[in-house]
Protein backbone atom coordinates (compact mmCIF):
# COMPACT_ATOMS: atom_id res chain seq x y z
CA MET A 1 61.08 2.59 170.04
CA SER A 2 59.10 3.18 166.98
CA LYS A 3 56.52 5.20 165.93
CA GLN A 4 52.92 4.18 162.61
CA ILE A 5 52.10 6.11 160.81
CA THR A 6 50.30 5.74 157.89
CA VAL A 7 51.51 6.64 154.72
CA ARG A 8 49.86 7.02 150.89
CA LEU A 9 52.28 5.76 148.06
CA PRO A 10 51.60 5.75 144.75
CA ASP A 11 51.16 2.06 143.10
CA GLU A 12 54.45 1.71 141.71
CA LEU A 13 56.12 2.37 144.82
CA VAL A 14 54.70 -0.45 146.91
CA ASP A 15 54.55 -2.66 144.08
CA PHE A 16 58.29 -2.06 143.73
CA MET A 17 58.23 -2.74 148.04
CA ASP A 18 56.72 -5.61 147.63
CA GLU A 19 59.06 -6.70 145.14
CA LEU A 20 62.14 -6.13 147.08
CA VAL A 21 60.09 -8.24 150.35
CA ALA A 22 59.51 -10.37 147.86
CA THR A 23 62.98 -11.49 146.05
CA ASP A 24 64.46 -11.31 149.70
CA LYS A 25 66.10 -7.42 148.92
CA ALA A 26 64.04 -6.25 151.95
CA THR A 27 62.69 -7.50 155.18
CA SER A 28 59.01 -5.66 155.09
CA ARG A 29 57.81 -2.56 153.63
CA ALA A 30 58.23 -0.40 156.53
CA SER A 31 62.31 -1.97 156.47
CA VAL A 32 61.48 -0.43 152.92
CA VAL A 33 60.51 2.61 153.98
CA ALA A 34 62.66 2.84 156.60
CA ARG A 35 66.16 2.85 154.58
CA ALA A 36 65.26 5.10 151.97
CA MET A 37 64.64 7.72 155.30
CA GLU A 38 67.68 7.44 156.89
CA ARG A 39 69.25 8.27 153.55
CA GLU A 40 67.47 11.28 152.89
CA ARG A 41 68.49 12.30 155.98
CA ARG A 42 72.21 11.14 155.32
CA ARG A 43 71.32 13.67 152.14
CA GLU A 44 69.89 16.69 154.27
CA LEU A 45 72.73 16.55 156.95
CA ALA A 46 75.41 16.15 153.93
CA ALA A 47 73.70 19.00 151.78
CA ARG A 48 73.70 21.16 155.09
CA ASP A 49 77.16 20.06 155.55
CA LEU A 50 78.39 21.47 152.43
CA ALA A 51 76.59 24.61 152.83
CA ILE A 52 78.57 25.56 155.86
CA LEU A 53 81.68 24.63 154.39
CA SER A 54 80.93 26.12 151.04
CA GLU A 55 79.99 29.38 153.21
CA GLN A 56 82.44 29.79 155.35
CA GLY A 57 85.38 28.80 152.87
CA GLY A 58 89.47 28.62 153.87
CA TYR A 59 89.86 24.98 154.97
CA ASP A 60 92.67 24.15 153.59
CA ASP A 61 93.45 20.84 155.33
CA LEU A 62 89.97 19.27 153.83
CA ASP A 63 90.94 19.89 149.87
CA GLY A 64 92.12 16.77 149.37
CA LEU A 65 89.04 14.73 151.13
CA ALA A 66 86.78 15.19 148.79
CA THR A 67 89.98 13.44 146.26
CA ALA A 68 90.35 10.94 148.88
CA VAL A 69 86.81 9.96 149.61
CA SER A 70 85.71 9.95 146.01
CA GLY A 71 86.46 5.89 145.75
CA THR A 72 84.68 4.98 148.98
CA VAL A 73 82.25 2.58 148.71
CA LEU A 74 79.01 2.71 150.28
CA SER A 75 77.85 -0.42 150.20
CA ASP A 76 74.88 0.23 152.48
CA LEU A 77 73.48 2.27 149.38
CA ASP A 78 72.80 -0.14 147.64
């Protein structure tokens, strides 16, 4: 399910979206906005998780996690 909304954006952002569509890097303006919002949602979730881990601390079994995932390629963010 989806909802239609109206969003006002600066001209340069709309031009950028149009360029992505014109060069087949996106299928539509809506897909560019949806992809950006999905990235923002993941960023917010990661920030929340970091705050929880920082506040709680004491997770010795996670000490190597940052090192282990630092080389992970997130191709969906390209």
